[in-house]
């Protein structure tokens, strides 16, 4: 797990990227953690990982919690290790119990639980006056080979409907790990679920497990800014 995600310094103050991206992303603009955070806004932001994106969910929550905001998380990837958050709070001399109280986690252990939680989570957000929703494990939870194709499609349709409704009113961050099967695999047809989320996202980024973590835009609004040092490196 990258060591630079929760540091004694504020996450937004992470240094400019100094490492080379993976070969397949070399000629695309790379964004640092801070530049990505500056682009977050109401609507759906999708993070796709190679190989994993879900460990980034907690670091993206941390600055909002530090500012006193309540963040609601639907964790379908079992990736919210609260010990990491507690250690980060101690290093920053923050009130750990208060920080943990502001992070409301609903854990989904099956795709059906994910759909049900997304259906009801809006009421929890309203009662807590929360504007930020973080989701992990979607559509990852639907890659289970024991889940039939009709069940997978109908469950994803439910999740998709609820997700769009939530994204109309809130800042929604979805962290989707890379599919385990290639397109030609019998399960490869479920890649369409990720494609559907990508089409609905206002901003989508591929996370590369470098240090510090760098992000390559897959879909971005016109105002997305590129770090000056990256532009200069690209021209060199």
C-alpha atoms as a PDB file:
ATOM      1  CA  UNK A   1       0.000   0.000   0.000  1.00  0.00           C
ATOM      2  CA  UNK A   2       1.524   3.387  -0.926  1.00  0.00           C
ATOM      3  CA  UNK A   3       3.177   5.108   2.046  1.00  0.00           C
ATOM      4  CA  UNK A   4       2.536   8.626   0.804  1.00  0.00           C
ATOM      5  CA  UNK A   5      -1.246   8.636   1.122  1.00  0.00           C
ATOM      6  CA  UNK A   6      -1.632   9.560   4.785  1.00  0.00           C
ATOM      7  CA  UNK A   7       1.370  11.575   5.926  1.00  0.00           C
ATOM      8  CA  UNK A   8       2.091  13.968   8.797  1.00  0.00           C
ATOM      9  CA  UNK A   9       1.590  16.800   6.312  1.00  0.00           C
ATOM     10  CA  UNK A  10      -1.830  17.653   4.918  1.00  0.00           C
ATOM     11  CA  UNK A  11      -2.737  15.457   1.915  1.00  0.00           C
ATOM     12  CA  UNK A  12      -3.342  18.527  -0.246  1.00  0.00           C
ATOM     13  CA  UNK A  13       0.298  19.532   0.317  1.00  0.00           C
ATOM     14  CA  UNK A  14       1.794  16.460  -1.296  1.00  0.00           C
ATOM     15  CA  UNK A  15       4.852  17.334  -3.404  1.00  0.00           C
ATOM     16  CA  UNK A  16       4.723  17.630  -7.162  1.00  0.00           C
ATOM     17  CA  UNK A  17       5.097  14.307  -9.019  1.00  0.00           C
ATOM     18  CA  UNK A  18       8.717  13.409  -9.676  1.00  0.00           C
ATOM     19  CA  UNK A  19       8.308   9.885 -11.023  1.00  0.00           C
ATOM     20  CA  UNK A  20       7.621   8.463 -14.446  1.00  0.00           C
ATOM     21  CA  UNK A  21       4.193   7.022 -15.196  1.00  0.00           C
ATOM     22  CA  UNK A  22       3.614   3.514 -16.420  1.00  0.00           C
ATOM     23  CA  UNK A  23       4.546   3.024 -20.061  1.00  0.00           C
ATOM     24  CA  UNK A  24       0.963   2.998 -21.327  1.00  0.00           C
ATOM     25  CA  UNK A  25       0.244   6.377 -19.731  1.00  0.00           C
ATOM     26  CA  UNK A  26       3.518   8.138 -20.614  1.00  0.00           C
ATOM     27  CA  UNK A  27       2.050  10.494 -23.193  1.00  0.00           C
ATOM     28  CA  UNK A  28      -1.049  11.515 -21.237  1.00  0.00           C
ATOM     29  CA  UNK A  29      -1.150  14.466 -18.807  1.00  0.00           C
ATOM     30  CA  UNK A  30      -0.492  13.334 -15.226  1.00  0.00           C
ATOM     31  CA  UNK A  31      -2.156  14.919 -12.217  1.00  0.00           C
ATOM     32  CA  UNK A  32      -1.033  14.956  -8.597  1.00  0.00           C
ATOM     33  CA  UNK A  33      -3.270  14.205  -5.626  1.00  0.00           C
ATOM     34  CA  UNK A  34      -3.666  17.913  -4.875  1.00  0.00           C
ATOM     35  CA  UNK A  35      -4.666  18.816  -8.419  1.00  0.00           C
ATOM     36  CA  UNK A  36      -7.301  16.074  -8.447  1.00  0.00           C
ATOM     37  CA  UNK A  37      -8.770  17.198  -5.129  1.00  0.00           C
ATOM     38  CA  UNK A  38      -9.101  20.727  -6.503  1.00  0.00           C
ATOM     39  CA  UNK A  39     -11.361  19.376  -9.269  1.00  0.00           C
ATOM     40  CA  UNK A  40     -13.830  17.537  -7.035  1.00  0.00           C
ATOM     41  CA  UNK A  41     -17.369  18.907  -7.317  1.00  0.00           C
ATOM     42  CA  UNK A  42     -20.980  17.713  -7.151  1.00  0.00           C
ATOM     43  CA  UNK A  43     -21.531  14.819  -9.521  1.00  0.00           C
ATOM     44  CA  UNK A  44     -19.811  11.487  -9.992  1.00  0.00           C
ATOM     45  CA  UNK A  45     -16.021  11.234  -9.979  1.00  0.00           C
ATOM     46  CA  UNK A  46     -14.734   7.782 -10.899  1.00  0.00           C
ATOM     47  CA  UNK A  47     -11.314   6.420  -9.950  1.00  0.00           C
ATOM     48  CA  UNK A  48     -10.100   3.293 -11.742  1.00  0.00           C
ATOM     49  CA  UNK A  49      -7.062   1.431 -10.457  1.00  0.00           C
ATOM     50  CA  UNK A  50      -4.237  -0.565 -11.981  1.00  0.00           C
ATOM     51  CA  UNK A  51      -4.277  -2.796 -10.092  1.00  0.00           C
ATOM     52  CA  UNK A  52      -6.196  -1.211  -7.190  1.00  0.00           C
ATOM     53  CA  UNK A  53      -8.005   2.062  -6.585  1.00  0.00           C
ATOM     54  CA  UNK A  54      -9.987   1.240  -3.437  1.00  0.00           C
ATOM     55  CA  UNK A  55      -7.089   1.941  -0.971  1.00  0.00           C
ATOM     56  CA  UNK A  56      -7.251   5.578  -2.111  1.00  0.00           C
ATOM     57  CA  UNK A  57     -10.771   6.067  -0.759  1.00  0.00           C
ATOM     58  CA  UNK A  58      -9.769   6.778   2.833  1.00  0.00           C
ATOM     59  CA  UNK A  59      -7.073   9.355   1.953  1.00  0.00           C
ATOM     60  CA  UNK A  60      -9.607  11.259  -0.133  1.00  0.00           C
ATOM     61  CA  UNK A  61     -11.979  11.350   2.851  1.00  0.00           C
ATOM     62  CA  UNK A  62      -9.350  12.628   5.298  1.00  0.00           C
ATOM     63  CA  UNK A  63      -9.207  16.342   4.316  1.00  0.00           C
ATOM     64  CA  UNK A  64     -13.000  16.684   4.472  1.00  0.00           C
ATOM     65  CA  UNK A  65     -13.051  15.070   7.909  1.00  0.00           C
ATOM     66  CA  UNK A  66     -10.274  17.378   9.067  1.00  0.00           C
ATOM     67  CA  UNK A  67     -12.367  20.394   7.997  1.00  0.00           C
ATOM     68  CA  UNK A  68     -15.241  19.200  10.167  1.00  0.00           C
ATOM     69  CA  UNK A  69     -17.402  17.738   7.387  1.00  0.00           C
ATOM     70  CA  UNK A  70     -19.326  14.498   7.700  1.00  0.00           C
ATOM     71  CA  UNK A  71     -18.456  11.958   5.012  1.00  0.00           C
ATOM     72  CA  UNK A  72     -20.651   8.942   4.257  1.00  0.00           C
ATOM     73  CA  UNK A  73     -18.980   5.855   2.799  1.00  0.00           C
ATOM     74  CA  UNK A  74     -20.444   2.725   1.243  1.00  0.00           C
ATOM     75  CA  UNK A  75     -17.641   0.190   1.475  1.00  0.00           C
ATOM     76  CA  UNK A  76     -18.037  -2.802  -0.811  1.00  0.00           C
ATOM     77  CA  UNK A  77     -14.300  -3.512  -1.002  1.00  0.00           C
ATOM     78  CA  UNK A  78     -13.616  -3.793   2.750  1.00  0.00           C
ATOM     79  CA  UNK A  79     -10.859  -1.200   2.432  1.00  0.00           C
ATOM     80  CA  UNK A  80     -11.626   1.299   5.206  1.00  0.00           C
ATOM     81  CA  UNK A  81      -8.896   0.556   7.741  1.00  0.00           C
ATOM     82  CA  UNK A  82      -9.718   3.026  10.512  1.00  0.00           C
ATOM     83  CA  UNK A  83      -6.382   2.364  12.217  1.00  0.00           C
ATOM     84  CA  UNK A  84      -4.732   4.272   9.354  1.00  0.00           C
ATOM     85  CA  UNK A  85      -7.060   7.214   9.934  1.00  0.00           C
ATOM     86  CA  UNK A  86      -6.397   7.167  13.687  1.00  0.00           C
ATOM     87  CA  UNK A  87      -2.614   7.121  13.196  1.00  0.00           C
ATOM     88  CA  UNK A  88      -2.844   9.968  10.700  1.00  0.00           C
ATOM     89  CA  UNK A  89      -4.943  11.997  13.153  1.00  0.00           C
ATOM     90  CA  UNK A  90      -2.414  11.410  15.951  1.00  0.00           C
ATOM     91  CA  UNK A  91       0.457  12.620  13.788  1.00  0.00           C
ATOM     92  CA  UNK A  92      -1.514  15.769  12.957  1.00  0.00           C
ATOM     93  CA  UNK A  93      -2.618  16.162  16.598  1.00  0.00           C
ATOM     94  CA  UNK A  94      -6.281  15.965  15.665  1.00  0.00           C
ATOM     95  CA  UNK A  95      -9.127  14.681  17.812  1.00  0.00           C
ATOM     96  CA  UNK A  96      -9.329  11.053  16.655  1.00  0.00           C
ATOM     97  CA  UNK A  97     -12.742  10.214  18.216  1.00  0.00           C
ATOM     98  CA  UNK A  98     -14.337  13.305  16.647  1.00  0.00           C
ATOM     99  CA  UNK A  99     -12.744  12.474  13.300  1.00  0.00           C
ATOM    100  CA  UNK A 100     -14.048   8.912  13.393  1.00  0.00           C
ATOM    101  CA  UNK A 101     -17.518  10.097  14.392  1.00  0.00           C
ATOM    102  CA  UNK A 102     -17.714  12.204  11.227  1.00  0.00           C
ATOM    103  CA  UNK A 103     -16.960   9.194   8.993  1.00  0.00           C
ATOM    104  CA  UNK A 104     -20.149   7.157   8.618  1.00  0.00           C
ATOM    105  CA  UNK A 105     -19.461   3.777   7.009  1.00  0.00           C
ATOM    106  CA  UNK A 106     -22.018   1.312   5.655  1.00  0.00           C
ATOM    107  CA  UNK A 107     -20.340  -1.955   4.672  1.00  0.00           C
ATOM    108  CA  UNK A 108     -21.760  -3.990   1.784  1.00  0.00           C
ATOM    109  CA  UNK A 109     -20.748  -7.659   1.765  1.00  0.00           C
ATOM    110  CA  UNK A 110     -22.832  -8.680  -1.277  1.00  0.00           C
ATOM    111  CA  UNK A 111     -23.980  -6.933  -4.472  1.00  0.00           C
ATOM    112  CA  UNK A 112     -27.552  -7.058  -3.191  1.00  0.00           C
ATOM    113  CA  UNK A 113     -26.545  -5.252  -0.008  1.00  0.00           C
ATOM    114  CA  UNK A 114     -24.763  -2.651  -2.130  1.00  0.00           C
ATOM    115  CA  UNK A 115     -27.939  -1.933  -4.106  1.00  0.00           C
ATOM    116  CA  UNK A 116     -30.063  -1.749  -0.953  1.00  0.00           C
ATOM    117  CA  UNK A 117     -27.638   0.569   0.844  1.00  0.00           C
ATOM    118  CA  UNK A 118     -27.422   2.919  -2.136  1.00  0.00           C
ATOM    119  CA  UNK A 119     -31.219   3.026  -2.203  1.00  0.00           C
ATOM    120  CA  UNK A 120     -31.440   4.160   1.423  1.00  0.00           C
ATOM    121  CA  UNK A 121     -28.177   6.058   1.980  1.00  0.00           C
ATOM    122  CA  UNK A 122     -29.649   9.381   0.853  1.00  0.00           C
ATOM    123  CA  UNK A 123     -31.748   9.543   4.018  1.00  0.00           C
ATOM    124  CA  UNK A 124     -28.642   8.966   6.173  1.00  0.00           C
ATOM    125  CA  UNK A 125     -26.833  11.751   4.346  1.00  0.00           C
ATOM    126  CA  UNK A 126     -29.740  14.131   4.847  1.00  0.00           C
ATOM    127  CA  UNK A 127     -29.955  13.387   8.569  1.00  0.00           C
ATOM    128  CA  UNK A 128     -26.206  13.978   8.946  1.00  0.00           C
ATOM    129  CA  UNK A 129     -26.181  16.975   6.590  1.00  0.00           C
ATOM    130  CA  UNK A 130     -23.473  15.225   4.606  1.00  0.00           C
ATOM    131  CA  UNK A 131     -22.550  16.403   1.113  1.00  0.00           C
ATOM    132  CA  UNK A 132     -19.825  13.836   0.354  1.00  0.00           C
ATOM    133  CA  UNK A 133     -20.389  10.198  -0.533  1.00  0.00           C
ATOM    134  CA  UNK A 134     -17.534   7.748  -1.125  1.00  0.00           C
ATOM    135  CA  UNK A 135     -18.197   4.308  -2.656  1.00  0.00           C
ATOM    136  CA  UNK A 136     -15.866   1.338  -3.061  1.00  0.00           C
ATOM    137  CA  UNK A 137     -16.551  -2.031  -4.666  1.00  0.00           C
ATOM    138  CA  UNK A 138     -18.786  -0.911  -7.529  1.00  0.00           C
ATOM    139  CA  UNK A 139     -18.929  -2.567 -10.017  1.00  0.00           C
ATOM    140  CA  UNK A 140     -16.257  -4.856  -8.512  1.00  0.00           C
ATOM    141  CA  UNK A 141     -18.801  -6.719  -6.395  1.00  0.00           C
ATOM    142  CA  UNK A 142     -20.523  -7.859  -9.599  1.00  0.00           C
ATOM    143  CA  UNK A 143     -17.477  -9.735 -10.931  1.00  0.00           C
ATOM    144  CA  UNK A 144     -18.306 -12.751  -8.752  1.00  0.00           C
ATOM    145  CA  UNK A 145     -18.553 -15.852 -10.954  1.00  0.00           C
ATOM    146  CA  UNK A 146     -21.272 -17.284  -8.690  1.00  0.00           C
ATOM    147  CA  UNK A 147     -23.511 -14.386  -9.663  1.00  0.00           C
ATOM    148  CA  UNK A 148     -25.551 -15.198 -12.776  1.00  0.00           C
ATOM    149  CA  UNK A 149     -25.606 -12.807 -15.707  1.00  0.00           C
ATOM    150  CA  UNK A 150     -29.268 -11.817 -15.216  1.00  0.00           C
ATOM    151  CA  UNK A 151     -28.635 -11.189 -11.504  1.00  0.00           C
ATOM    152  CA  UNK A 152     -25.519  -9.156 -12.270  1.00  0.00           C
ATOM    153  CA  UNK A 153     -27.280  -7.012 -14.866  1.00  0.00           C
ATOM    154  CA  UNK A 154     -30.379  -6.343 -12.780  1.00  0.00           C
ATOM    155  CA  UNK A 155     -28.338  -5.563  -9.648  1.00  0.00           C
ATOM    156  CA  UNK A 156     -26.074  -3.196 -11.531  1.00  0.00           C
ATOM    157  CA  UNK A 157     -29.119  -1.439 -13.014  1.00  0.00           C
ATOM    158  CA  UNK A 158     -30.434  -0.842  -9.481  1.00  0.00           C
ATOM    159  CA  UNK A 159     -27.067   0.443  -8.276  1.00  0.00           C
ATOM    160  CA  UNK A 160     -26.717   2.652 -11.322  1.00  0.00           C
ATOM    161  CA  UNK A 161     -30.143   4.246 -10.831  1.00  0.00           C
ATOM    162  CA  UNK A 162     -29.518   5.038  -7.171  1.00  0.00           C
ATOM    163  CA  UNK A 163     -25.991   6.281  -7.891  1.00  0.00           C
ATOM    164  CA  UNK A 164     -27.207   8.748 -10.520  1.00  0.00           C
ATOM    165  CA  UNK A 165     -29.854  10.050  -8.142  1.00  0.00           C
ATOM    166  CA  UNK A 166     -27.266  10.595  -5.409  1.00  0.00           C
ATOM    167  CA  UNK A 167     -24.799  12.262  -7.797  1.00  0.00           C
ATOM    168  CA  UNK A 168     -27.412  14.864  -8.717  1.00  0.00           C
ATOM    169  CA  UNK A 169     -27.226  16.293  -5.184  1.00  0.00           C
ATOM    170  CA  UNK A 170     -23.857  15.286  -3.749  1.00  0.00           C
ATOM    171  CA  UNK A 171     -20.161  15.007  -4.464  1.00  0.00           C
ATOM    172  CA  UNK A 172     -19.819  11.270  -5.124  1.00  0.00           C
ATOM    173  CA  UNK A 173     -16.456   9.526  -5.404  1.00  0.00           C
ATOM    174  CA  UNK A 174     -16.484   5.933  -6.673  1.00  0.00           C
ATOM    175  CA  UNK A 175     -13.310   3.813  -6.488  1.00  0.00           C
ATOM    176  CA  UNK A 176     -13.374   0.857  -8.891  1.00  0.00           C
ATOM    177  CA  UNK A 177     -10.601  -1.711  -8.976  1.00  0.00           C
ATOM    178  CA  UNK A 178      -9.452  -3.076 -12.309  1.00  0.00           C
ATOM    179  CA  UNK A 179     -11.610  -5.979 -13.603  1.00  0.00           C
ATOM    180  CA  UNK A 180      -9.967  -9.382 -13.043  1.00  0.00           C
ATOM    181  CA  UNK A 181     -10.966 -10.783 -16.438  1.00  0.00           C
ATOM    182  CA  UNK A 182      -9.952  -9.732 -19.985  1.00  0.00           C
ATOM    183  CA  UNK A 183     -12.695  -8.882 -22.515  1.00  0.00           C
ATOM    184  CA  UNK A 184     -12.530 -12.330 -24.154  1.00  0.00           C
ATOM    185  CA  UNK A 185     -13.090 -14.161 -20.857  1.00  0.00           C
ATOM    186  CA  UNK A 186     -16.649 -15.509 -20.289  1.00  0.00           C
ATOM    187  CA  UNK A 187     -16.972 -12.921 -17.516  1.00  0.00           C
ATOM    188  CA  UNK A 188     -15.512 -10.183 -19.686  1.00  0.00           C
ATOM    189  CA  UNK A 189     -18.938  -8.914 -20.693  1.00  0.00           C
ATOM    190  CA  UNK A 190     -19.264  -7.352 -17.262  1.00  0.00           C
ATOM    191  CA  UNK A 191     -16.674  -4.800 -18.277  1.00  0.00           C
ATOM    192  CA  UNK A 192     -19.706  -2.981 -19.673  1.00  0.00           C
ATOM    193  CA  UNK A 193     -20.645  -2.074 -16.093  1.00  0.00           C
ATOM    194  CA  UNK A 194     -17.439  -0.071 -15.692  1.00  0.00           C
ATOM    195  CA  UNK A 195     -17.942   1.494 -19.125  1.00  0.00           C
ATOM    196  CA  UNK A 196     -21.424   2.602 -18.043  1.00  0.00           C
ATOM    197  CA  UNK A 197     -20.049   4.305 -14.929  1.00  0.00           C
ATOM    198  CA  UNK A 198     -17.364   5.964 -17.016  1.00  0.00           C
ATOM    199  CA  UNK A 199     -20.019   7.367 -19.367  1.00  0.00           C
ATOM    200  CA  UNK A 200     -21.951   8.831 -16.426  1.00  0.00           C
ATOM    201  CA  UNK A 201     -18.984  10.347 -14.598  1.00  0.00           C
ATOM    202  CA  UNK A 202     -18.234  14.059 -14.864  1.00  0.00           C
ATOM    203  CA  UNK A 203     -14.609  13.241 -14.096  1.00  0.00           C
ATOM    204  CA  UNK A 204     -12.812   9.894 -14.387  1.00  0.00           C
ATOM    205  CA  UNK A 205      -9.187   9.146 -13.596  1.00  0.00           C
ATOM    206  CA  UNK A 206      -6.867   6.175 -13.689  1.00  0.00           C
ATOM    207  CA  UNK A 207      -4.710   5.884 -10.563  1.00  0.00           C
ATOM    208  CA  UNK A 208      -1.157   4.614 -10.923  1.00  0.00           C
ATOM    209  CA  UNK A 209       0.499   3.035  -7.898  1.00  0.00           C
ATOM    210  CA  UNK A 210       3.585   5.230  -8.004  1.00  0.00           C
ATOM    211  CA  UNK A 211       4.984   7.310  -5.158  1.00  0.00           C
ATOM    212  CA  UNK A 212       3.445   9.803  -4.967  1.00  0.00           C
ATOM    213  CA  UNK A 213       0.317   8.476  -6.651  1.00  0.00           C
ATOM    214  CA  UNK A 214      -0.328  10.026 -10.066  1.00  0.00           C
ATOM    215  CA  UNK A 215      -3.641  10.209 -11.916  1.00  0.00           C
ATOM    216  CA  UNK A 216      -4.276  10.094 -15.661  1.00  0.00           C
ATOM    217  CA  UNK A 217      -7.567  11.632 -16.845  1.00  0.00           C
ATOM    218  CA  UNK A 218      -9.838   9.239 -18.707  1.00  0.00           C
ATOM    219  CA  UNK A 219     -12.647  11.777 -18.859  1.00  0.00           C
ATOM    220  CA  UNK A 220     -12.341  15.326 -17.575  1.00  0.00           C
ATOM    221  CA  UNK A 221     -14.193  18.659 -17.615  1.00  0.00           C
ATOM    222  CA  UNK A 222     -12.698  21.417 -19.734  1.00  0.00           C
ATOM    223  CA  UNK A 223     -11.329  23.298 -16.752  1.00  0.00           C
ATOM    224  CA  UNK A 224      -9.113  20.436 -15.598  1.00  0.00           C
ATOM    225  CA  UNK A 225      -5.695  21.958 -14.904  1.00  0.00           C
ATOM    226  CA  UNK A 226      -2.418  20.263 -15.690  1.00  0.00           C
ATOM    227  CA  UNK A 227       0.583  20.882 -13.408  1.00  0.00           C
ATOM    228  CA  UNK A 228       3.091  23.188 -15.103  1.00  0.00           C
ATOM    229  CA  UNK A 229       6.008  20.870 -14.381  1.00  0.00           C
ATOM    230  CA  UNK A 230       4.224  18.024 -16.170  1.00  0.00           C
ATOM    231  CA  UNK A 231       3.576  20.178 -19.243  1.00  0.00           C
ATOM    232  CA  UNK A 232       7.248  21.165 -19.344  1.00  0.00           C
ATOM    233  CA  UNK A 233       8.362  17.550 -18.987  1.00  0.00           C
ATOM    234  CA  UNK A 234       6.044  16.534 -21.829  1.00  0.00           C
ATOM    235  CA  UNK A 235       7.534  19.171 -24.135  1.00  0.00           C
ATOM    236  CA  UNK A 236      11.137  18.266 -23.256  1.00  0.00           C
END
